[in-house]
Amino acid sequence: MVSEQKVAVITGASRGIGASLVKAFRGIGYGIVANSRSIRASDFSDDPAILAVDGDIVAPETANRIVGAAVERFGRIDTLVNNAGVFIPKPFIEYSDADFIRITAVNLAGFFHISQRTAALMVRVGSGHIVNITATLADQPIASLPAALASLKKGGLNAVTCSLAIEYATRGVRVNAVSPGVIKTPMHAPETHDYLSGLQPMGRMGEMQEIVDAVLYLERAAFVTGEILRVDGGAHAGHW
């Protein structure tokens, strides 16, 4: 039985931006399928409209379980937010094979498996929305923060956002991206905040709510697809 309640799948949902997205989508009445490696059903035991599916998003089996669980519980998926990702900044020649494998697995394979399965479901019903969380570094590298592999992978997500937006434009499925600058999340230790603020033209780090607001804008913007919405304090605009 298909629920009338809209449903969002959110990866990387246990903390930071992902956890904020779970809260925001519930706030507008969506059912949620929340995924991360560390997420637990007990985290949401007081809300039957949130279904936790643990597992590493790099594995095709995890994508199968997420989609299967969403269909079994709710009968539908309206929105997928590909938020899971890893960021390993270092000089290019210092990256290890393990770094490359991990970044590729989470940022690309993780996107591929869940997006392909979700898109198939959305195309079948003729509606849906996929949002990818990328990074401004893909457009505007910073000399003092080398992160070539992040640019390689996040740039790929920007490109596939546009490609899929065109592929599905006449089939009811929109595909967009939010491209953050440096955001104040638990991954950044407080002692780094002054330095990181200096990497943004506006002189401050972004707030998680500002990324959430961008995702919710795209969710409501029915005539917007193929958009890379940059939320970065102006970092994409050029050198400063």
C-alpha atoms as a PDB file:
ATOM      1  CA  MET A   1       0.000   0.000   0.000  1.00  0.00           C
ATOM      2  CA  VAL A   2       1.352   3.401  -1.005  1.00  0.00           C
ATOM      3  CA  SER A   3       1.302   6.072   1.678  1.00  0.00           C
ATOM      4  CA  GLU A   4       0.094   9.573   0.807  1.00  0.00           C
ATOM      5  CA  GLN A   5       2.951  10.945   2.915  1.00  0.00           C
ATOM      6  CA  LYS A   6       5.989  12.001   0.895  1.00  0.00           C
ATOM      7  CA  VAL A   7       9.210  10.156   1.688  1.00  0.00           C
ATOM      8  CA  ALA A   8      12.857  11.260   1.642  1.00  0.00           C
ATOM      9  CA  VAL A   9      15.900   9.000   1.723  1.00  0.00           C
ATOM     10  CA  ILE A  10      18.898  10.711   3.320  1.00  0.00           C
ATOM     11  CA  THR A  11      22.381   9.188   3.384  1.00  0.00           C
ATOM     12  CA  GLY A  12      25.050  10.161   5.891  1.00  0.00           C
ATOM     13  CA  ALA A  13      22.139  10.875   8.213  1.00  0.00           C
ATOM     14  CA  SER A  14      23.569  10.214  11.658  1.00  0.00           C
ATOM     15  CA  ARG A  15      25.223  13.591  12.296  1.00  0.00           C
ATOM     16  CA  GLY A  16      26.055  16.993  10.899  1.00  0.00           C
ATOM     17  CA  ILE A  17      24.234  18.113   7.775  1.00  0.00           C
ATOM     18  CA  GLY A  18      22.575  14.724   7.354  1.00  0.00           C
ATOM     19  CA  ALA A  19      21.023  14.774  10.809  1.00  0.00           C
ATOM     20  CA  SER A  20      19.853  18.349  10.200  1.00  0.00           C
ATOM     21  CA  LEU A  21      18.236  17.248   6.938  1.00  0.00           C
ATOM     22  CA  VAL A  22      16.377  14.445   8.709  1.00  0.00           C
ATOM     23  CA  LYS A  23      14.950  16.958  11.174  1.00  0.00           C
ATOM     24  CA  ALA A  24      14.051  19.431   8.430  1.00  0.00           C
ATOM     25  CA  PHE A  25      12.254  16.961   6.181  1.00  0.00           C
ATOM     26  CA  ARG A  26      10.313  15.603   9.145  1.00  0.00           C
ATOM     27  CA  GLY A  27       9.430  19.191   9.955  1.00  0.00           C
ATOM     28  CA  ILE A  28       7.628  19.518   6.615  1.00  0.00           C
ATOM     29  CA  GLY A  29       5.837  16.234   7.114  1.00  0.00           C
ATOM     30  CA  TYR A  30       7.938  13.761   5.152  1.00  0.00           C
ATOM     31  CA  GLY A  31       8.562  10.189   6.152  1.00  0.00           C
ATOM     32  CA  ILE A  32      12.299   9.519   6.343  1.00  0.00           C
ATOM     33  CA  VAL A  33      14.603   6.636   5.529  1.00  0.00           C
ATOM     34  CA  ALA A  34      17.869   7.571   7.248  1.00  0.00           C
ATOM     35  CA  ASN A  35      21.108   5.775   6.436  1.00  0.00           C
ATOM     36  CA  SER A  36      24.639   5.748   7.774  1.00  0.00           C
ATOM     37  CA  ARG A  37      27.114   3.152   8.983  1.00  0.00           C
ATOM     38  CA  SER A  38      26.494   4.038  12.622  1.00  0.00           C
ATOM     39  CA  ILE A  39      22.785   4.828  12.639  1.00  0.00           C
ATOM     40  CA  ARG A  40      20.528   2.843  14.977  1.00  0.00           C
ATOM     41  CA  ALA A  41      16.795   2.237  15.009  1.00  0.00           C
ATOM     42  CA  SER A  42      16.779   3.248  18.665  1.00  0.00           C
ATOM     43  CA  ASP A  43      17.865   6.753  17.634  1.00  0.00           C
ATOM     44  CA  PHE A  44      14.335   7.316  16.285  1.00  0.00           C
ATOM     45  CA  SER A  45      12.250   4.957  18.405  1.00  0.00           C
ATOM     46  CA  ASP A  46       9.884   7.779  19.333  1.00  0.00           C
ATOM     47  CA  ASP A  47       9.011   8.589  15.695  1.00  0.00           C
ATOM     48  CA  PRO A  48       7.532   5.805  13.530  1.00  0.00           C
ATOM     49  CA  ALA A  49       7.852   8.024  10.442  1.00  0.00           C
ATOM     50  CA  ILE A  50      11.663   7.726  10.565  1.00  0.00           C
ATOM     51  CA  LEU A  51      13.146   4.409   9.466  1.00  0.00           C
ATOM     52  CA  ALA A  52      16.851   3.860  10.171  1.00  0.00           C
ATOM     53  CA  VAL A  53      18.795   1.595   7.807  1.00  0.00           C
ATOM     54  CA  ASP A  54      22.390   1.046   8.854  1.00  0.00           C
ATOM     55  CA  GLY A  55      25.160   0.044   6.471  1.00  0.00           C
ATOM     56  CA  ASP A  56      27.994   1.394   4.362  1.00  0.00           C
ATOM     57  CA  ILE A  57      26.586   3.240   1.348  1.00  0.00           C
ATOM     58  CA  VAL A  58      29.484   1.994  -0.789  1.00  0.00           C
ATOM     59  CA  ALA A  59      27.950  -1.506  -0.886  1.00  0.00           C
ATOM     60  CA  PRO A  60      25.261  -2.318  -3.469  1.00  0.00           C
ATOM     61  CA  GLU A  61      23.576  -4.464  -0.817  1.00  0.00           C
ATOM     62  CA  THR A  62      23.086  -1.381   1.369  1.00  0.00           C
ATOM     63  CA  ALA A  63      21.366   0.441  -1.481  1.00  0.00           C
ATOM     64  CA  ASN A  64      19.118  -2.562  -2.014  1.00  0.00           C
ATOM     65  CA  ARG A  65      18.170  -2.621   1.673  1.00  0.00           C
ATOM     66  CA  ILE A  66      17.466   1.124   1.766  1.00  0.00           C
ATOM     67  CA  VAL A  67      15.165   1.060  -1.250  1.00  0.00           C
ATOM     68  CA  GLY A  68      13.535  -2.189  -0.169  1.00  0.00           C
ATOM     69  CA  ALA A  69      12.884  -0.869   3.318  1.00  0.00           C
ATOM     70  CA  ALA A  70      11.433   2.389   1.966  1.00  0.00           C
ATOM     71  CA  VAL A  71       9.045   0.556  -0.339  1.00  0.00           C
ATOM     72  CA  GLU A  72       8.041  -1.917   2.356  1.00  0.00           C
ATOM     73  CA  ARG A  73       7.378   0.750   4.997  1.00  0.00           C
ATOM     74  CA  PHE A  74       6.061   3.628   2.888  1.00  0.00           C
ATOM     75  CA  GLY A  75       5.489   2.314  -0.635  1.00  0.00           C
ATOM     76  CA  ARG A  76       7.358   5.191  -2.253  1.00  0.00           C
ATOM     77  CA  ILE A  77      10.456   7.395  -2.454  1.00  0.00           C
ATOM     78  CA  ASP A  78       9.923  11.003  -3.464  1.00  0.00           C
ATOM     79  CA  THR A  79      13.329  12.488  -2.687  1.00  0.00           C
ATOM     80  CA  LEU A  80      16.874  11.196  -2.357  1.00  0.00           C
ATOM     81  CA  VAL A  81      19.541  13.364  -0.746  1.00  0.00           C
ATOM     82  CA  ASN A  82      23.022  11.997  -1.427  1.00  0.00           C
ATOM     83  CA  ASN A  83      24.742  13.518   1.573  1.00  0.00           C
ATOM     84  CA  ALA A  84      27.222  10.773   2.539  1.00  0.00           C
ATOM     85  CA  GLY A  85      30.798  11.624   1.651  1.00  0.00           C
ATOM     86  CA  VAL A  86      34.381  11.714   2.848  1.00  0.00           C
ATOM     87  CA  PHE A  87      36.852  14.587   2.614  1.00  0.00           C
ATOM     88  CA  ILE A  88      40.594  13.910   2.770  1.00  0.00           C
ATOM     89  CA  PRO A  89      42.655  17.051   2.124  1.00  0.00           C
ATOM     90  CA  LYS A  90      46.357  16.598   1.399  1.00  0.00           C
ATOM     91  CA  PRO A  91      48.898  17.365  -1.331  1.00  0.00           C
ATOM     92  CA  PHE A  92      48.187  15.315  -4.456  1.00  0.00           C
ATOM     93  CA  ILE A  93      51.388  13.259  -4.406  1.00  0.00           C
ATOM     94  CA  GLU A  94      50.782  12.301  -0.768  1.00  0.00           C
ATOM     95  CA  TYR A  95      47.479  10.547  -1.406  1.00  0.00           C
ATOM     96  CA  SER A  96      47.685   6.809  -0.853  1.00  0.00           C
ATOM     97  CA  ASP A  97      45.960   4.087  -2.827  1.00  0.00           C
ATOM     98  CA  ALA A  98      43.765   3.568   0.235  1.00  0.00           C
ATOM     99  CA  ASP A  99      42.746   7.248   0.157  1.00  0.00           C
ATOM    100  CA  PHE A 100      41.800   6.966  -3.507  1.00  0.00           C
ATOM    101  CA  ILE A 101      39.803   3.795  -2.980  1.00  0.00           C
ATOM    102  CA  ARG A 102      37.923   5.206   0.012  1.00  0.00           C
ATOM    103  CA  ILE A 103      37.075   8.536  -1.610  1.00  0.00           C
ATOM    104  CA  THR A 104      35.991   6.856  -4.830  1.00  0.00           C
ATOM    105  CA  ALA A 105      33.913   4.276  -2.985  1.00  0.00           C
ATOM    106  CA  VAL A 106      31.924   6.685  -0.821  1.00  0.00           C
ATOM    107  CA  ASN A 107      31.645   9.735  -3.067  1.00  0.00           C
ATOM    108  CA  LEU A 108      31.071   7.968  -6.393  1.00  0.00           C
ATOM    109  CA  ALA A 109      30.115   4.319  -5.867  1.00  0.00           C
ATOM    110  CA  GLY A 110      27.924   5.324  -2.936  1.00  0.00           C
ATOM    111  CA  PHE A 111      26.159   7.852  -5.150  1.00  0.00           C
ATOM    112  CA  PHE A 112      25.835   5.410  -8.036  1.00  0.00           C
ATOM    113  CA  HIS A 113      24.254   2.453  -6.285  1.00  0.00           C
ATOM    114  CA  ILE A 114      21.547   4.263  -4.337  1.00  0.00           C
ATOM    115  CA  SER A 115      20.813   6.798  -7.086  1.00  0.00           C
ATOM    116  CA  GLN A 116      20.427   4.175  -9.790  1.00  0.00           C
ATOM    117  CA  ARG A 117      17.995   2.112  -7.734  1.00  0.00           C
ATOM    118  CA  THR A 118      16.053   5.146  -6.573  1.00  0.00           C
ATOM    119  CA  ALA A 119      15.897   6.668 -10.050  1.00  0.00           C
ATOM    120  CA  ALA A 120      14.441   3.432 -11.415  1.00  0.00           C
ATOM    121  CA  LEU A 121      11.626   3.672  -8.889  1.00  0.00           C
ATOM    122  CA  MET A 122      11.033   7.364  -9.580  1.00  0.00           C
ATOM    123  CA  VAL A 123      10.965   6.911 -13.347  1.00  0.00           C
ATOM    124  CA  ARG A 124       8.442   4.105 -12.961  1.00  0.00           C
ATOM    125  CA  VAL A 125       5.998   6.410 -11.129  1.00  0.00           C
ATOM    126  CA  GLY A 126       6.892   9.529 -13.134  1.00  0.00           C
ATOM    127  CA  SER A 127       8.066  11.783 -10.311  1.00  0.00           C
ATOM    128  CA  GLY A 128      10.944  12.330  -7.918  1.00  0.00           C
ATOM    129  CA  HIS A 129      13.849  14.523  -6.919  1.00  0.00           C
ATOM    130  CA  ILE A 130      17.524  13.668  -6.379  1.00  0.00           C
ATOM    131  CA  VAL A 131      19.800  16.162  -4.607  1.00  0.00           C
ATOM    132  CA  ASN A 132      23.573  15.685  -4.466  1.00  0.00           C
ATOM    133  CA  ILE A 133      25.732  17.407  -1.860  1.00  0.00           C
ATOM    134  CA  THR A 134      28.970  18.357  -3.621  1.00  0.00           C
ATOM    135  CA  ALA A 135      31.629  20.982  -2.741  1.00  0.00           C
ATOM    136  CA  THR A 136      32.728  24.414  -3.935  1.00  0.00           C
ATOM    137  CA  LEU A 137      36.332  23.183  -4.065  1.00  0.00           C
ATOM    138  CA  ALA A 138      35.392  21.420  -7.296  1.00  0.00           C
ATOM    139  CA  ASP A 139      34.908  24.858  -8.897  1.00  0.00           C
ATOM    140  CA  GLN A 140      37.317  27.024  -6.932  1.00  0.00           C
ATOM    141  CA  PRO A 141      40.424  25.298  -5.536  1.00  0.00           C
ATOM    142  CA  ILE A 142      42.260  26.934  -2.641  1.00  0.00           C
ATOM    143  CA  ALA A 143      46.061  26.965  -2.703  1.00  0.00           C
ATOM    144  CA  SER A 144      46.323  26.660   1.076  1.00  0.00           C
ATOM    145  CA  LEU A 145      43.944  23.678   1.193  1.00  0.00           C
ATOM    146  CA  PRO A 146      45.035  21.099  -1.403  1.00  0.00           C
ATOM    147  CA  ALA A 147      42.332  18.494  -1.960  1.00  0.00           C
ATOM    148  CA  ALA A 148      42.589  17.296  -5.560  1.00  0.00           C
ATOM    149  CA  LEU A 149      40.768  14.015  -4.988  1.00  0.00           C
ATOM    150  CA  ALA A 150      37.858  15.852  -3.396  1.00  0.00           C
ATOM    151  CA  SER A 151      37.687  18.082  -6.465  1.00  0.00           C
ATOM    152  CA  LEU A 152      37.878  15.049  -8.757  1.00  0.00           C
ATOM    153  CA  LYS A 153      34.994  13.263  -7.075  1.00  0.00           C
ATOM    154  CA  LYS A 154      32.778  16.236  -6.223  1.00  0.00           C
ATOM    155  CA  GLY A 155      33.310  17.653  -9.689  1.00  0.00           C
ATOM    156  CA  GLY A 156      32.076  14.339 -11.029  1.00  0.00           C
ATOM    157  CA  LEU A 157      28.913  14.704  -8.963  1.00  0.00           C
ATOM    158  CA  ASN A 158      28.342  18.182 -10.391  1.00  0.00           C
ATOM    159  CA  ALA A 159      28.710  16.814 -13.913  1.00  0.00           C
ATOM    160  CA  VAL A 160      26.397  13.846 -13.381  1.00  0.00           C
ATOM    161  CA  THR A 161      23.814  16.155 -11.790  1.00  0.00           C
ATOM    162  CA  CYS A 162      23.516  18.026 -15.083  1.00  0.00           C
ATOM    163  CA  SER A 163      23.633  14.838 -17.147  1.00  0.00           C
ATOM    164  CA  LEU A 164      20.847  13.129 -15.220  1.00  0.00           C
ATOM    165  CA  ALA A 165      18.759  16.313 -15.112  1.00  0.00           C
ATOM    166  CA  ILE A 166      18.671  16.302 -18.915  1.00  0.00           C
ATOM    167  CA  GLU A 167      18.192  12.535 -19.164  1.00  0.00           C
ATOM    168  CA  TYR A 168      15.115  12.629 -16.932  1.00  0.00           C
ATOM    169  CA  ALA A 169      13.756  16.122 -17.669  1.00  0.00           C
ATOM    170  CA  THR A 170      10.748  14.783 -19.579  1.00  0.00           C
ATOM    171  CA  ARG A 171      10.117  11.889 -17.181  1.00  0.00           C
ATOM    172  CA  GLY A 172       9.140  13.757 -14.051  1.00  0.00           C
ATOM    173  CA  VAL A 173      12.424  13.351 -12.163  1.00  0.00           C
ATOM    174  CA  ARG A 174      14.479  16.410 -11.196  1.00  0.00           C
ATOM    175  CA  VAL A 175      18.184  16.236 -10.292  1.00  0.00           C
ATOM    176  CA  ASN A 176      19.978  19.079  -8.515  1.00  0.00           C
ATOM    177  CA  ALA A 177      23.000  19.690  -6.310  1.00  0.00           C
ATOM    178  CA  VAL A 178      23.957  21.869  -3.382  1.00  0.00           C
ATOM    179  CA  SER A 179      27.624  22.859  -3.393  1.00  0.00           C
ATOM    180  CA  PRO A 180      28.743  23.986   0.083  1.00  0.00           C
ATOM    181  CA  GLY A 181      31.769  25.973   1.077  1.00  0.00           C
ATOM    182  CA  VAL A 182      33.270  25.324   4.499  1.00  0.00           C
ATOM    183  CA  ILE A 183      30.396  24.530   6.842  1.00  0.00           C
ATOM    184  CA  LYS A 184      30.466  24.460  10.636  1.00  0.00           C
ATOM    185  CA  THR A 185      29.879  20.754  11.261  1.00  0.00           C
ATOM    186  CA  PRO A 186      31.265  18.305  13.860  1.00  0.00           C
ATOM    187  CA  MET A 187      33.986  17.281  11.387  1.00  0.00           C
ATOM    188  CA  HIS A 188      35.747  20.625  11.974  1.00  0.00           C
ATOM    189  CA  ALA A 189      37.352  21.023  15.402  1.00  0.00           C
ATOM    190  CA  PRO A 190      36.564  24.366  17.085  1.00  0.00           C
ATOM    191  CA  GLU A 191      40.228  25.361  17.084  1.00  0.00           C
ATOM    192  CA  THR A 192      40.192  25.324  13.250  1.00  0.00           C
ATOM    193  CA  HIS A 193      37.200  27.626  12.880  1.00  0.00           C
ATOM    194  CA  ASP A 194      39.148  30.893  12.661  1.00  0.00           C
ATOM    195  CA  TYR A 195      41.404  29.512   9.935  1.00  0.00           C
ATOM    196  CA  LEU A 196      38.501  28.005   8.002  1.00  0.00           C
ATOM    197  CA  SER A 197      36.499  31.221   8.257  1.00  0.00           C
ATOM    198  CA  GLY A 198      39.348  32.975   6.502  1.00  0.00           C
ATOM    199  CA  LEU A 199      38.926  30.665   3.503  1.00  0.00           C
ATOM    200  CA  GLN A 200      35.505  32.160   2.736  1.00  0.00           C
ATOM    201  CA  PRO A 201      35.089  35.591   1.104  1.00  0.00           C
ATOM    202  CA  MET A 202      32.402  36.520   3.627  1.00  0.00           C
ATOM    203  CA  GLY A 203      34.847  35.802   6.431  1.00  0.00           C
ATOM    204  CA  ARG A 204      32.831  33.135   8.217  1.00  0.00           C
ATOM    205  CA  MET A 205      31.960  29.476   7.993  1.00  0.00           C
ATOM    206  CA  GLY A 206      28.549  28.487   6.727  1.00  0.00           C
ATOM    207  CA  GLU A 207      25.938  27.088   9.075  1.00  0.00           C
ATOM    208  CA  MET A 208      24.352  23.681   8.599  1.00  0.00           C
ATOM    209  CA  GLN A 209      20.920  25.303   8.464  1.00  0.00           C
ATOM    210  CA  GLU A 210      22.032  27.256   5.397  1.00  0.00           C
ATOM    211  CA  ILE A 211      22.648  23.993   3.544  1.00  0.00           C
ATOM    212  CA  VAL A 212      19.320  22.631   4.753  1.00  0.00           C
ATOM    213  CA  ASP A 213      17.578  25.779   3.512  1.00  0.00           C
ATOM    214  CA  ALA A 214      19.146  25.309   0.079  1.00  0.00           C
ATOM    215  CA  VAL A 215      18.025  21.687  -0.137  1.00  0.00           C
ATOM    216  CA  LEU A 216      14.490  22.616   0.897  1.00  0.00           C
ATOM    217  CA  TYR A 217      14.418  25.408  -1.688  1.00  0.00           C
ATOM    218  CA  LEU A 218      15.314  22.908  -4.412  1.00  0.00           C
ATOM    219  CA  GLU A 219      12.736  20.489  -3.073  1.00  0.00           C
ATOM    220  CA  ARG A 220      10.005  23.079  -3.562  1.00  0.00           C
ATOM    221  CA  ALA A 221      11.298  24.543  -6.841  1.00  0.00           C
ATOM    222  CA  ALA A 222       9.348  22.447  -9.348  1.00  0.00           C
ATOM    223  CA  PHE A 223      10.808  24.211 -12.414  1.00  0.00           C
ATOM    224  CA  VAL A 224      14.439  23.845 -11.302  1.00  0.00           C
ATOM    225  CA  THR A 225      16.571  20.923 -12.450  1.00  0.00           C
ATOM    226  CA  GLY A 226      20.254  20.605 -13.317  1.00  0.00           C
ATOM    227  CA  GLU A 227      21.070  23.362 -10.817  1.00  0.00           C
ATOM    228  CA  ILE A 228      24.339  23.480  -8.858  1.00  0.00           C
ATOM    229  CA  LEU A 229      23.299  25.745  -5.984  1.00  0.00           C
ATOM    230  CA  ARG A 230      26.442  27.143  -4.387  1.00  0.00           C
ATOM    231  CA  VAL A 231      26.188  27.967  -0.697  1.00  0.00           C
ATOM    232  CA  ASP A 232      29.725  29.098  -0.006  1.00  0.00           C
ATOM    233  CA  GLY A 233      29.860  32.747   0.991  1.00  0.00           C
ATOM    234  CA  GLY A 234      30.936  33.678  -2.538  1.00  0.00           C
ATOM    235  CA  ALA A 235      33.898  31.282  -2.758  1.00  0.00           C
ATOM    236  CA  HIS A 236      32.934  30.061  -6.247  1.00  0.00           C
ATOM    237  CA  ALA A 237      32.974  33.591  -7.661  1.00  0.00           C
ATOM    238  CA  GLY A 238      36.742  33.895  -7.925  1.00  0.00           C
ATOM    239  CA  HIS A 239      40.029  34.519  -6.176  1.00  0.00           C
ATOM    240  CA  TRP A 240      40.017  36.782  -3.111  1.00  0.00           C
END
